Amino acid sequence: MEKGITMTTKKMILDLDTGVDDTLAIALALGSPEVELIGITGTYGNVLLEQGVRNALALTEMFGHPEVKVYAGLPHALKRDGFEVEEISAFTHGKNGIGEIEVPEPTRQVEEQNAVDFIIEAAEKYGKDLILVPTGPQTNIAAAIEKKPEIVDMIGAEVLMGGALTQPGNVSPCSEANIHQDPAAADYVFRSGMPATMVGLDVTLQTLLTYKDTQKWRDTGTFAGQKLADITDYYIKAYETTAPHLGGCGLHDPLAVGVAIDPTLVDLLDINMMVDVDGPTYGRTIGDPDRLNDPHKTMKVAVGVDVQRFLDMFMERITKLVAQAK
């Protein structure tokens, strides 16, 4: 590096409905030197908002990073009055979101500032150095844009886990779970002009974790390694019932973090996107016909992934993180 030139560490916000793959996303972000995890904003989905933020607080402490602040977001979709966890989510992630595994109660509380205001404040402070990584519904992001539209042009990027472009959804033939929770919010974000990359089922279901991998975390001999292996093994076991043909669990949320750090992990299609918000294709993520010929593409969609390179990155960084955790 030339004298006088400094590299800027990207600032990352994870917007999570903290279930098992969200847990892995937190670990990957904490184990990646290219980014600083400046905060976790809580949402709903795999669990209720309150459980999710509790999990985020407890897990960041378990991983040795109590400095990461956690902010509570909106508890349900923008156009709904409430939210209930679906049975398939409880089966896949456990009722507590982390595989029914008990981890120590957090020693700190959620921040008083709400998630929406924190996202806006971070956009104003960090500008193009800020990366948003939502791995649940887009509710908090949409609310932030609605409150301060200027942030669309401020932030560096949004890399979201959600949607499916070249294959069916996982909660309906057309819809992926995160988008399905709040299609109106996702459509609003997609049409807002925010620079966004969609990391959907097309690629996340190609990145699989097995019991052989989680054993490496047990082999570190640390409390964090043991607990993370237990949490993830529950998830792998659920996949043996819901998708036995895969031979492992999909690394949905961690891949979004990986792409936020290194976009070359995936093959990207430039396309302006929309979400169907009603009718038989409710929740479908698809190209926006009204902007088909617009030369300005605000979104990219991952359609291919370098599986082994991502898995190597994922395992190396998380194994190091749990090995160093006290």
C-alpha atoms as a PDB file:
ATOM      1  CA  MET A   1       0.000   0.000   0.000  1.00  0.00           C
ATOM      2  CA  GLU A   2       1.331   3.415  -0.905  1.00  0.00           C
ATOM      3  CA  LYS A   3       2.220   5.814   1.863  1.00  0.00           C
ATOM      4  CA  GLY A   4      -0.652   8.100   2.749  1.00  0.00           C
ATOM      5  CA  ILE A   5      -3.332   5.798   1.328  1.00  0.00           C
ATOM      6  CA  THR A   6      -5.646   4.130   3.852  1.00  0.00           C
ATOM      7  CA  MET A   7      -8.263   1.450   3.285  1.00  0.00           C
ATOM      8  CA  THR A   8     -11.726   2.226   4.647  1.00  0.00           C
ATOM      9  CA  THR A   9     -13.461  -0.614   6.474  1.00  0.00           C
ATOM     10  CA  LYS A  10     -17.038  -0.906   5.293  1.00  0.00           C
ATOM     11  CA  LYS A  11     -19.713  -0.442   7.953  1.00  0.00           C
ATOM     12  CA  MET A  12     -22.362  -3.156   8.021  1.00  0.00           C
ATOM     13  CA  ILE A  13     -25.841  -3.313   9.531  1.00  0.00           C
ATOM     14  CA  LEU A  14     -27.486  -6.728   9.738  1.00  0.00           C
ATOM     15  CA  ASP A  15     -31.293  -6.587   9.745  1.00  0.00           C
ATOM     16  CA  LEU A  16     -32.245  -9.956  11.214  1.00  0.00           C
ATOM     17  CA  ASP A  17     -35.109 -12.193  12.327  1.00  0.00           C
ATOM     18  CA  THR A  18     -32.521 -14.078  14.314  1.00  0.00           C
ATOM     19  CA  GLY A  19     -32.941 -17.746  13.561  1.00  0.00           C
ATOM     20  CA  VAL A  20     -30.229 -20.304  12.849  1.00  0.00           C
ATOM     21  CA  ASP A  21     -28.946 -19.028   9.509  1.00  0.00           C
ATOM     22  CA  ASP A  22     -29.101 -15.470  10.876  1.00  0.00           C
ATOM     23  CA  THR A  23     -26.859 -16.715  13.694  1.00  0.00           C
ATOM     24  CA  LEU A  24     -24.385 -17.938  11.095  1.00  0.00           C
ATOM     25  CA  ALA A  25     -24.647 -14.587   9.295  1.00  0.00           C
ATOM     26  CA  ILE A  26     -23.729 -12.782  12.519  1.00  0.00           C
ATOM     27  CA  ALA A  27     -20.743 -15.068  12.996  1.00  0.00           C
ATOM     28  CA  LEU A  28     -19.504 -14.544   9.440  1.00  0.00           C
ATOM     29  CA  ALA A  29     -19.804 -10.770   9.720  1.00  0.00           C
ATOM     30  CA  LEU A  30     -17.924 -10.751  13.030  1.00  0.00           C
ATOM     31  CA  GLY A  31     -15.225 -12.980  11.570  1.00  0.00           C
ATOM     32  CA  SER A  32     -14.641 -10.810   8.488  1.00  0.00           C
ATOM     33  CA  PRO A  33     -11.989  -8.083   8.770  1.00  0.00           C
ATOM     34  CA  GLU A  34     -13.270  -6.229   5.688  1.00  0.00           C
ATOM     35  CA  VAL A  35     -16.369  -5.022   7.543  1.00  0.00           C
ATOM     36  CA  GLU A  36     -17.273  -3.563  10.914  1.00  0.00           C
ATOM     37  CA  LEU A  37     -20.627  -4.727  12.242  1.00  0.00           C
ATOM     38  CA  ILE A  38     -21.898  -1.420  13.638  1.00  0.00           C
ATOM     39  CA  GLY A  39     -25.306  -2.706  14.652  1.00  0.00           C
ATOM     40  CA  ILE A  40     -28.020  -5.333  14.358  1.00  0.00           C
ATOM     41  CA  THR A  41     -31.575  -4.210  13.693  1.00  0.00           C
ATOM     42  CA  GLY A  42     -34.268  -6.647  14.702  1.00  0.00           C
ATOM     43  CA  THR A  43     -37.223  -7.752  12.647  1.00  0.00           C
ATOM     44  CA  TYR A  44     -39.786 -10.584  12.701  1.00  0.00           C
ATOM     45  CA  GLY A  45     -40.039 -13.813  10.721  1.00  0.00           C
ATOM     46  CA  ASN A  46     -38.292 -16.899  12.053  1.00  0.00           C
ATOM     47  CA  VAL A  47     -39.296 -15.680  15.519  1.00  0.00           C
ATOM     48  CA  LEU A  48     -41.168 -12.772  17.060  1.00  0.00           C
ATOM     49  CA  LEU A  49     -39.261  -9.475  17.221  1.00  0.00           C
ATOM     50  CA  GLU A  50     -38.660  -9.739  20.966  1.00  0.00           C
ATOM     51  CA  GLN A  51     -37.110 -13.203  20.721  1.00  0.00           C
ATOM     52  CA  GLY A  52     -35.006 -12.187  17.752  1.00  0.00           C
ATOM     53  CA  VAL A  53     -33.372  -9.205  19.438  1.00  0.00           C
ATOM     54  CA  ARG A  54     -32.768 -11.275  22.564  1.00  0.00           C
ATOM     55  CA  ASN A  55     -31.012 -13.880  20.425  1.00  0.00           C
ATOM     56  CA  ALA A  56     -28.904 -11.209  18.725  1.00  0.00           C
ATOM     57  CA  LEU A  57     -27.805  -9.775  22.071  1.00  0.00           C
ATOM     58  CA  ALA A  58     -26.959 -13.203  23.499  1.00  0.00           C
ATOM     59  CA  LEU A  59     -25.126 -14.459  20.424  1.00  0.00           C
ATOM     60  CA  THR A  60     -22.929 -11.404  19.942  1.00  0.00           C
ATOM     61  CA  GLU A  61     -21.839 -11.774  23.563  1.00  0.00           C
ATOM     62  CA  MET A  62     -21.221 -15.505  23.116  1.00  0.00           C
ATOM     63  CA  PHE A  63     -19.047 -14.750  20.088  1.00  0.00           C
ATOM     64  CA  GLY A  64     -17.034 -12.263  22.158  1.00  0.00           C
ATOM     65  CA  HIS A  65     -18.465  -9.064  20.688  1.00  0.00           C
ATOM     66  CA  PRO A  66     -20.659  -7.322  23.285  1.00  0.00           C
ATOM     67  CA  GLU A  67     -19.834  -3.978  21.649  1.00  0.00           C
ATOM     68  CA  VAL A  68     -22.318  -4.670  18.828  1.00  0.00           C
ATOM     69  CA  LYS A  69     -25.490  -2.736  19.575  1.00  0.00           C
ATOM     70  CA  VAL A  70     -28.922  -4.192  18.872  1.00  0.00           C
ATOM     71  CA  TYR A  71     -31.968  -2.132  17.906  1.00  0.00           C
ATOM     72  CA  ALA A  72     -35.597  -3.257  17.842  1.00  0.00           C
ATOM     73  CA  GLY A  73     -37.456  -2.653  14.589  1.00  0.00           C
ATOM     74  CA  LEU A  74     -41.059  -3.005  13.504  1.00  0.00           C
ATOM     75  CA  PRO A  75     -42.848  -6.128  14.793  1.00  0.00           C
ATOM     76  CA  HIS A  76     -44.998  -6.842  11.758  1.00  0.00           C
ATOM     77  CA  ALA A  77     -45.544  -5.984   8.089  1.00  0.00           C
ATOM     78  CA  LEU A  78     -46.325  -2.374   7.224  1.00  0.00           C
ATOM     79  CA  LYS A  79     -49.857  -3.168   6.056  1.00  0.00           C
ATOM     80  CA  ARG A  80     -50.728  -5.716   8.750  1.00  0.00           C
ATOM     81  CA  ASP A  81     -51.779  -5.407  12.370  1.00  0.00           C
ATOM     82  CA  GLY A  82     -49.807  -8.306  13.797  1.00  0.00           C
ATOM     83  CA  PHE A  83     -47.577 -11.293  13.174  1.00  0.00           C
ATOM     84  CA  GLU A  84     -47.509 -14.945  14.197  1.00  0.00           C
ATOM     85  CA  VAL A  85     -44.608 -17.313  13.605  1.00  0.00           C
ATOM     86  CA  GLU A  86     -45.494 -19.961  11.052  1.00  0.00           C
ATOM     87  CA  GLU A  87     -45.277 -23.614  12.042  1.00  0.00           C
ATOM     88  CA  ILE A  88     -42.597 -24.384   9.451  1.00  0.00           C
ATOM     89  CA  SER A  89     -40.344 -21.662  10.901  1.00  0.00           C
ATOM     90  CA  ALA A  90     -40.681 -23.069  14.416  1.00  0.00           C
ATOM     91  CA  PHE A  91     -39.888 -26.544  13.072  1.00  0.00           C
ATOM     92  CA  THR A  92     -36.856 -25.386  11.082  1.00  0.00           C
ATOM     93  CA  HIS A  93     -35.305 -22.999  13.609  1.00  0.00           C
ATOM     94  CA  GLY A  94     -36.825 -24.163  16.889  1.00  0.00           C
ATOM     95  CA  LYS A  95     -39.349 -22.198  18.919  1.00  0.00           C
ATOM     96  CA  ASN A  96     -36.585 -20.004  20.331  1.00  0.00           C
ATOM     97  CA  GLY A  97     -35.053 -19.486  16.883  1.00  0.00           C
ATOM     98  CA  ILE A  98     -31.727 -21.078  17.783  1.00  0.00           C
ATOM     99  CA  GLY A  99     -32.513 -24.767  17.643  1.00  0.00           C
ATOM    100  CA  GLU A 100     -33.956 -24.993  21.167  1.00  0.00           C
ATOM    101  CA  ILE A 101     -30.395 -24.569  22.436  1.00  0.00           C
ATOM    102  CA  GLU A 102     -29.936 -22.549  25.608  1.00  0.00           C
ATOM    103  CA  VAL A 103     -27.275 -19.865  25.618  1.00  0.00           C
ATOM    104  CA  PRO A 104     -26.482 -17.458  28.475  1.00  0.00           C
ATOM    105  CA  GLU A 105     -28.854 -14.546  28.915  1.00  0.00           C
ATOM    106  CA  PRO A 106     -27.420 -11.291  27.554  1.00  0.00           C
ATOM    107  CA  THR A 107     -25.956  -8.870  30.059  1.00  0.00           C
ATOM    108  CA  ARG A 108     -27.118  -5.785  28.155  1.00  0.00           C
ATOM    109  CA  GLN A 109     -30.380  -4.458  26.788  1.00  0.00           C
ATOM    110  CA  VAL A 110     -31.656  -3.465  23.384  1.00  0.00           C
ATOM    111  CA  GLU A 111     -30.911   0.178  22.522  1.00  0.00           C
ATOM    112  CA  GLU A 112     -33.545   2.839  23.198  1.00  0.00           C
ATOM    113  CA  GLN A 113     -33.249   4.191  19.661  1.00  0.00           C
ATOM    114  CA  ASN A 114     -35.464   2.316  17.220  1.00  0.00           C
ATOM    115  CA  ALA A 115     -34.064   0.428  14.237  1.00  0.00           C
ATOM    116  CA  VAL A 116     -35.553   2.720  11.595  1.00  0.00           C
ATOM    117  CA  ASP A 117     -33.950   5.840  13.057  1.00  0.00           C
ATOM    118  CA  PHE A 118     -30.644   4.013  13.530  1.00  0.00           C
ATOM    119  CA  ILE A 119     -30.581   3.006   9.856  1.00  0.00           C
ATOM    120  CA  ILE A 120     -31.239   6.607   8.811  1.00  0.00           C
ATOM    121  CA  GLU A 121     -28.601   7.957  11.192  1.00  0.00           C
ATOM    122  CA  ALA A 122     -26.030   5.437   9.933  1.00  0.00           C
ATOM    123  CA  ALA A 123     -26.767   6.360   6.311  1.00  0.00           C
ATOM    124  CA  GLU A 124     -26.198  10.022   7.119  1.00  0.00           C
ATOM    125  CA  LYS A 125     -22.994   9.291   9.029  1.00  0.00           C
ATOM    126  CA  TYR A 126     -21.297   6.689   6.829  1.00  0.00           C
ATOM    127  CA  GLY A 127     -22.753   7.300   3.365  1.00  0.00           C
ATOM    128  CA  LYS A 128     -21.262   5.072   0.669  1.00  0.00           C
ATOM    129  CA  ASP A 129     -19.276   3.122   3.272  1.00  0.00           C
ATOM    130  CA  LEU A 130     -22.521   1.673   4.662  1.00  0.00           C
ATOM    131  CA  ILE A 131     -23.838  -1.753   3.613  1.00  0.00           C
ATOM    132  CA  LEU A 132     -27.290  -2.913   4.706  1.00  0.00           C
ATOM    133  CA  VAL A 133     -27.784  -6.678   4.855  1.00  0.00           C
ATOM    134  CA  PRO A 134     -31.422  -7.568   5.563  1.00  0.00           C
ATOM    135  CA  THR A 135     -32.042 -11.299   5.917  1.00  0.00           C
ATOM    136  CA  GLY A 136     -35.719 -11.170   6.815  1.00  0.00           C
ATOM    137  CA  PRO A 137     -38.626  -9.071   5.554  1.00  0.00           C
ATOM    138  CA  GLN A 138     -37.816  -5.626   4.147  1.00  0.00           C
ATOM    139  CA  THR A 139     -40.098  -3.833   6.622  1.00  0.00           C
ATOM    140  CA  ASN A 140     -37.461  -1.821   8.502  1.00  0.00           C
ATOM    141  CA  ILE A 141     -35.650  -0.801   5.318  1.00  0.00           C
ATOM    142  CA  ALA A 142     -38.881   0.311   3.645  1.00  0.00           C
ATOM    143  CA  ALA A 143     -39.891   2.303   6.716  1.00  0.00           C
ATOM    144  CA  ALA A 144     -36.506   4.034   6.767  1.00  0.00           C
ATOM    145  CA  ILE A 145     -36.798   4.992   3.083  1.00  0.00           C
ATOM    146  CA  GLU A 146     -40.354   6.193   3.595  1.00  0.00           C
ATOM    147  CA  LYS A 147     -39.243   8.381   6.513  1.00  0.00           C
ATOM    148  CA  LYS A 148     -36.143   9.745   4.750  1.00  0.00           C
ATOM    149  CA  PRO A 149     -36.131   9.042   1.009  1.00  0.00           C
ATOM    150  CA  GLU A 150     -32.685  10.620   0.612  1.00  0.00           C
ATOM    151  CA  ILE A 151     -30.970   7.579   2.129  1.00  0.00           C
ATOM    152  CA  VAL A 152     -31.539   5.745  -1.157  1.00  0.00           C
ATOM    153  CA  ASP A 153     -28.762   7.837  -2.677  1.00  0.00           C
ATOM    154  CA  MET A 154     -26.609   7.915   0.454  1.00  0.00           C
ATOM    155  CA  ILE A 155     -25.793   4.295   1.217  1.00  0.00           C
ATOM    156  CA  GLY A 156     -23.259   2.178  -0.616  1.00  0.00           C
ATOM    157  CA  ALA A 157     -25.408  -0.904  -1.077  1.00  0.00           C
ATOM    158  CA  GLU A 158     -28.113  -3.184   0.202  1.00  0.00           C
ATOM    159  CA  VAL A 159     -27.451  -6.915  -0.113  1.00  0.00           C
ATOM    160  CA  LEU A 160     -30.576  -8.826   0.816  1.00  0.00           C
ATOM    161  CA  MET A 161     -31.340 -12.483   1.303  1.00  0.00           C
ATOM    162  CA  GLY A 162     -34.709 -13.036  -0.249  1.00  0.00           C
ATOM    163  CA  GLY A 163     -36.611 -13.904  -3.352  1.00  0.00           C
ATOM    164  CA  ALA A 164     -36.108 -16.327  -6.207  1.00  0.00           C
ATOM    165  CA  LEU A 165     -35.808 -15.439  -9.865  1.00  0.00           C
ATOM    166  CA  THR A 166     -34.913 -18.635 -11.732  1.00  0.00           C
ATOM    167  CA  GLN A 167     -36.600 -21.225  -9.518  1.00  0.00           C
ATOM    168  CA  PRO A 168     -39.815 -21.624  -7.472  1.00  0.00           C
ATOM    169  CA  GLY A 169     -40.260 -20.133  -4.027  1.00  0.00           C
ATOM    170  CA  ASN A 170     -40.125 -22.058  -0.763  1.00  0.00           C
ATOM    171  CA  VAL A 171     -43.448 -21.039   0.797  1.00  0.00           C
ATOM    172  CA  SER A 172     -45.444 -21.060  -2.431  1.00  0.00           C
ATOM    173  CA  PRO A 173     -44.650 -21.855  -6.057  1.00  0.00           C
ATOM    174  CA  CYS A 174     -43.910 -18.154  -6.548  1.00  0.00           C
ATOM    175  CA  SER A 175     -42.768 -16.745  -3.212  1.00  0.00           C
ATOM    176  CA  GLU A 176     -39.722 -17.007  -0.950  1.00  0.00           C
ATOM    177  CA  ALA A 177     -40.282 -16.731   2.820  1.00  0.00           C
ATOM    178  CA  ASN A 178     -38.621 -13.377   3.575  1.00  0.00           C
ATOM    179  CA  ILE A 179     -40.352 -11.606   0.697  1.00  0.00           C
ATOM    180  CA  HIS A 180     -43.634 -13.352   1.520  1.00  0.00           C
ATOM    181  CA  GLN A 181     -43.664 -11.794   4.997  1.00  0.00           C
ATOM    182  CA  ASP A 182     -44.036  -8.272   3.570  1.00  0.00           C
ATOM    183  CA  PRO A 183     -44.222  -8.146  -0.233  1.00  0.00           C
ATOM    184  CA  ALA A 184     -45.349  -4.508  -0.210  1.00  0.00           C
ATOM    185  CA  ALA A 185     -42.235  -3.454   1.699  1.00  0.00           C
ATOM    186  CA  ALA A 186     -39.959  -5.413  -0.638  1.00  0.00           C
ATOM    187  CA  ASP A 187     -41.666  -3.934  -3.701  1.00  0.00           C
ATOM    188  CA  TYR A 188     -41.263  -0.442  -2.260  1.00  0.00           C
ATOM    189  CA  VAL A 189     -37.532  -0.991  -1.677  1.00  0.00           C
ATOM    190  CA  PHE A 190     -36.996  -2.588  -5.093  1.00  0.00           C
ATOM    191  CA  ARG A 191     -38.663   0.347  -6.847  1.00  0.00           C
ATOM    192  CA  SER A 192     -37.018   3.005  -4.655  1.00  0.00           C
ATOM    193  CA  GLY A 193     -33.803   3.191  -6.632  1.00  0.00           C
ATOM    194  CA  MET A 194     -31.667   1.943  -3.752  1.00  0.00           C
ATOM    195  CA  PRO A 195     -28.605   0.074  -5.086  1.00  0.00           C
ATOM    196  CA  ALA A 196     -29.544  -3.456  -4.104  1.00  0.00           C
ATOM    197  CA  THR A 197     -28.336  -6.988  -4.755  1.00  0.00           C
ATOM    198  CA  MET A 198     -30.823  -9.823  -4.322  1.00  0.00           C
ATOM    199  CA  VAL A 199     -29.277 -13.059  -3.074  1.00  0.00           C
ATOM    200  CA  GLY A 200     -32.111 -15.531  -3.437  1.00  0.00           C
ATOM    201  CA  LEU A 201     -32.851 -19.225  -3.388  1.00  0.00           C
ATOM    202  CA  ASP A 202     -31.270 -19.545  -6.845  1.00  0.00           C
ATOM    203  CA  VAL A 203     -27.850 -19.460  -5.180  1.00  0.00           C
ATOM    204  CA  THR A 204     -28.320 -19.994  -1.442  1.00  0.00           C
ATOM    205  CA  LEU A 205     -29.630 -23.535  -1.924  1.00  0.00           C
ATOM    206  CA  GLN A 206     -26.383 -24.394  -3.688  1.00  0.00           C
ATOM    207  CA  THR A 207     -24.340 -23.579  -0.558  1.00  0.00           C
ATOM    208  CA  LEU A 208     -24.790 -26.433   1.896  1.00  0.00           C
ATOM    209  CA  LEU A 209     -23.430 -27.199   5.356  1.00  0.00           C
ATOM    210  CA  THR A 210     -23.132 -30.704   6.845  1.00  0.00           C
ATOM    211  CA  TYR A 211     -22.520 -32.345  10.221  1.00  0.00           C
ATOM    212  CA  LYS A 212     -18.914 -32.855   9.144  1.00  0.00           C
ATOM    213  CA  ASP A 213     -18.523 -29.086   8.964  1.00  0.00           C
ATOM    214  CA  THR A 214     -20.115 -28.364  12.331  1.00  0.00           C
ATOM    215  CA  GLN A 215     -17.827 -30.957  13.937  1.00  0.00           C
ATOM    216  CA  LYS A 216     -14.944 -28.605  13.189  1.00  0.00           C
ATOM    217  CA  TRP A 217     -16.541 -26.056  15.510  1.00  0.00           C
ATOM    218  CA  ARG A 218     -16.896 -28.682  18.241  1.00  0.00           C
ATOM    219  CA  ASP A 219     -13.261 -29.598  17.763  1.00  0.00           C
ATOM    220  CA  THR A 220     -12.201 -26.086  18.799  1.00  0.00           C
ATOM    221  CA  GLY A 221     -13.144 -27.078  22.344  1.00  0.00           C
ATOM    222  CA  THR A 222     -14.733 -23.708  23.102  1.00  0.00           C
ATOM    223  CA  PHE A 223     -18.157 -22.984  24.550  1.00  0.00           C
ATOM    224  CA  ALA A 224     -19.051 -20.892  21.484  1.00  0.00           C
ATOM    225  CA  GLY A 225     -17.947 -23.657  19.131  1.00  0.00           C
ATOM    226  CA  GLN A 226     -20.011 -26.284  20.937  1.00  0.00           C
ATOM    227  CA  LYS A 227     -23.128 -24.129  21.085  1.00  0.00           C
ATOM    228  CA  LEU A 228     -22.899 -23.005  17.459  1.00  0.00           C
ATOM    229  CA  ALA A 229     -22.530 -26.632  16.367  1.00  0.00           C
ATOM    230  CA  ASP A 230     -25.571 -27.637  18.448  1.00  0.00           C
ATOM    231  CA  ILE A 231     -27.654 -24.775  17.034  1.00  0.00           C
ATOM    232  CA  THR A 232     -26.686 -25.565  13.447  1.00  0.00           C
ATOM    233  CA  ASP A 233     -27.126 -29.324  13.795  1.00  0.00           C
ATOM    234  CA  TYR A 234     -30.777 -28.718  14.712  1.00  0.00           C
ATOM    235  CA  TYR A 235     -31.135 -26.815  11.432  1.00  0.00           C
ATOM    236  CA  ILE A 236     -29.420 -29.560   9.429  1.00  0.00           C
ATOM    237  CA  LYS A 237     -31.727 -32.153  11.008  1.00  0.00           C
ATOM    238  CA  ALA A 238     -34.785 -30.090  10.012  1.00  0.00           C
ATOM    239  CA  TYR A 239     -33.515 -30.053   6.431  1.00  0.00           C
ATOM    240  CA  GLU A 240     -33.339 -33.864   6.530  1.00  0.00           C
ATOM    241  CA  THR A 241     -37.141 -33.763   6.819  1.00  0.00           C
ATOM    242  CA  THR A 242     -38.045 -30.756   4.668  1.00  0.00           C
ATOM    243  CA  ALA A 243     -35.452 -31.167   1.890  1.00  0.00           C
ATOM    244  CA  PRO A 244     -33.697 -34.550   2.222  1.00  0.00           C
ATOM    245  CA  HIS A 245     -32.442 -34.404  -1.367  1.00  0.00           C
ATOM    246  CA  LEU A 246     -30.080 -31.530  -0.551  1.00  0.00           C
ATOM    247  CA  GLY A 247     -27.790 -33.404   1.830  1.00  0.00           C
ATOM    248  CA  GLY A 248     -27.262 -30.448   4.145  1.00  0.00           C
ATOM    249  CA  CYS A 249     -28.707 -27.100   5.211  1.00  0.00           C
ATOM    250  CA  GLY A 250     -28.810 -24.045   2.978  1.00  0.00           C
ATOM    251  CA  LEU A 251     -26.579 -21.136   3.976  1.00  0.00           C
ATOM    252  CA  HIS A 252     -29.143 -18.517   3.023  1.00  0.00           C
ATOM    253  CA  ASP A 253     -28.311 -15.553   5.242  1.00  0.00           C
ATOM    254  CA  PRO A 254     -24.543 -16.108   5.461  1.00  0.00           C
ATOM    255  CA  LEU A 255     -24.262 -16.013   1.675  1.00  0.00           C
ATOM    256  CA  ALA A 256     -25.791 -12.521   1.652  1.00  0.00           C
ATOM    257  CA  VAL A 257     -23.094 -11.440   4.113  1.00  0.00           C
ATOM    258  CA  GLY A 258     -20.464 -13.110   1.942  1.00  0.00           C
ATOM    259  CA  VAL A 259     -21.674 -11.279  -1.167  1.00  0.00           C
ATOM    260  CA  ALA A 260     -21.738  -7.979   0.715  1.00  0.00           C
ATOM    261  CA  ILE A 261     -18.051  -8.544   1.515  1.00  0.00           C
ATOM    262  CA  ASP A 262     -17.049  -9.995  -1.864  1.00  0.00           C
ATOM    263  CA  PRO A 263     -19.531  -9.554  -4.742  1.00  0.00           C
ATOM    264  CA  THR A 264     -17.333 -11.717  -6.993  1.00  0.00           C
ATOM    265  CA  LEU A 265     -18.599 -14.794  -5.127  1.00  0.00           C
ATOM    266  CA  VAL A 266     -21.687 -14.706  -7.343  1.00  0.00           C
ATOM    267  CA  ASP A 267     -22.650 -14.144 -10.959  1.00  0.00           C
ATOM    268  CA  LEU A 268     -24.881 -11.081 -11.131  1.00  0.00           C
ATOM    269  CA  LEU A 269     -27.659 -10.104 -13.501  1.00  0.00           C
ATOM    270  CA  ASP A 270     -28.413  -6.378 -13.837  1.00  0.00           C
ATOM    271  CA  ILE A 271     -32.199  -6.021 -13.765  1.00  0.00           C
ATOM    272  CA  ASN A 272     -34.787  -3.656 -12.320  1.00  0.00           C
ATOM    273  CA  MET A 273     -36.979  -5.729 -10.043  1.00  0.00           C
ATOM    274  CA  MET A 274     -40.484  -5.629  -8.587  1.00  0.00           C
ATOM    275  CA  VAL A 275     -42.617  -7.794  -6.298  1.00  0.00           C
ATOM    276  CA  ASP A 276     -46.166  -8.952  -6.958  1.00  0.00           C
ATOM    277  CA  VAL A 277     -48.263  -7.747  -4.027  1.00  0.00           C
ATOM    278  CA  ASP A 278     -51.572  -9.455  -4.824  1.00  0.00           C
ATOM    279  CA  GLY A 279     -53.174 -12.153  -6.921  1.00  0.00           C
ATOM    280  CA  PRO A 280     -52.074 -15.750  -7.546  1.00  0.00           C
ATOM    281  CA  THR A 281     -48.380 -14.764  -7.821  1.00  0.00           C
ATOM    282  CA  TYR A 282     -48.363 -12.958  -4.459  1.00  0.00           C
ATOM    283  CA  GLY A 283     -44.789 -12.470  -3.267  1.00  0.00           C
ATOM    284  CA  ARG A 284     -43.127 -13.224  -6.611  1.00  0.00           C
ATOM    285  CA  THR A 285     -39.846 -11.390  -7.275  1.00  0.00           C
ATOM    286  CA  ILE A 286     -39.515 -10.634 -10.972  1.00  0.00           C
ATOM    287  CA  GLY A 287     -38.238  -8.074 -13.452  1.00  0.00           C
ATOM    288  CA  ASP A 288     -40.235  -4.851 -13.634  1.00  0.00           C
ATOM    289  CA  PRO A 289     -41.720  -4.571 -17.157  1.00  0.00           C
ATOM    290  CA  ASP A 290     -42.189  -0.813 -16.776  1.00  0.00           C
ATOM    291  CA  ARG A 291     -38.428  -0.377 -16.360  1.00  0.00           C
ATOM    292  CA  LEU A 292     -37.301  -3.123 -18.709  1.00  0.00           C
ATOM    293  CA  ASN A 293     -35.687  -0.705 -21.164  1.00  0.00           C
ATOM    294  CA  ASP A 294     -34.451   1.769 -18.577  1.00  0.00           C
ATOM    295  CA  PRO A 295     -30.660   1.844 -19.063  1.00  0.00           C
ATOM    296  CA  HIS A 296     -30.232   2.691 -15.381  1.00  0.00           C
ATOM    297  CA  LYS A 297     -30.373  -0.585 -13.473  1.00  0.00           C
ATOM    298  CA  THR A 298     -30.641  -0.119  -9.711  1.00  0.00           C
ATOM    299  CA  MET A 299     -30.619  -3.817  -8.811  1.00  0.00           C
ATOM    300  CA  LYS A 300     -28.563  -6.917  -9.373  1.00  0.00           C
ATOM    301  CA  VAL A 301     -29.705 -10.500  -8.867  1.00  0.00           C
ATOM    302  CA  ALA A 302     -27.361 -13.375  -8.045  1.00  0.00           C
ATOM    303  CA  VAL A 303     -27.890 -16.241 -10.504  1.00  0.00           C
ATOM    304  CA  GLY A 304     -24.724 -18.301  -9.954  1.00  0.00           C
ATOM    305  CA  VAL A 305     -22.292 -18.845  -7.067  1.00  0.00           C
ATOM    306  CA  ASP A 306     -18.724 -20.043  -6.590  1.00  0.00           C
ATOM    307  CA  VAL A 307     -19.772 -22.643  -4.036  1.00  0.00           C
ATOM    308  CA  GLN A 308     -16.397 -23.932  -2.867  1.00  0.00           C
ATOM    309  CA  ARG A 309     -14.822 -20.499  -2.552  1.00  0.00           C
ATOM    310  CA  PHE A 310     -17.717 -19.312  -0.402  1.00  0.00           C
ATOM    311  CA  LEU A 311     -17.724 -22.441   1.770  1.00  0.00           C
ATOM    312  CA  ASP A 312     -13.975 -22.132   2.324  1.00  0.00           C
ATOM    313  CA  MET A 313     -14.391 -18.491   3.343  1.00  0.00           C
ATOM    314  CA  PHE A 314     -17.346 -19.308   5.579  1.00  0.00           C
ATOM    315  CA  MET A 315     -15.706 -22.194   7.430  1.00  0.00           C
ATOM    316  CA  GLU A 316     -12.318 -20.547   7.856  1.00  0.00           C
ATOM    317  CA  ARG A 317     -13.703 -17.338   9.295  1.00  0.00           C
ATOM    318  CA  ILE A 318     -16.344 -18.804  11.590  1.00  0.00           C
ATOM    319  CA  THR A 319     -14.051 -21.550  12.898  1.00  0.00           C
ATOM    320  CA  LYS A 320     -11.467 -18.896  13.773  1.00  0.00           C
ATOM    321  CA  LEU A 321     -14.134 -16.751  15.443  1.00  0.00           C
ATOM    322  CA  VAL A 322     -15.451 -19.496  17.729  1.00  0.00           C
ATOM    323  CA  ALA A 323     -11.927 -20.729  18.483  1.00  0.00           C
ATOM    324  CA  GLN A 324     -11.034 -17.270  19.793  1.00  0.00           C
ATOM    325  CA  ALA A 325     -14.278 -16.704  21.695  1.00  0.00           C
ATOM    326  CA  LYS A 326     -13.962 -17.048  25.468  1.00  0.00           C
END
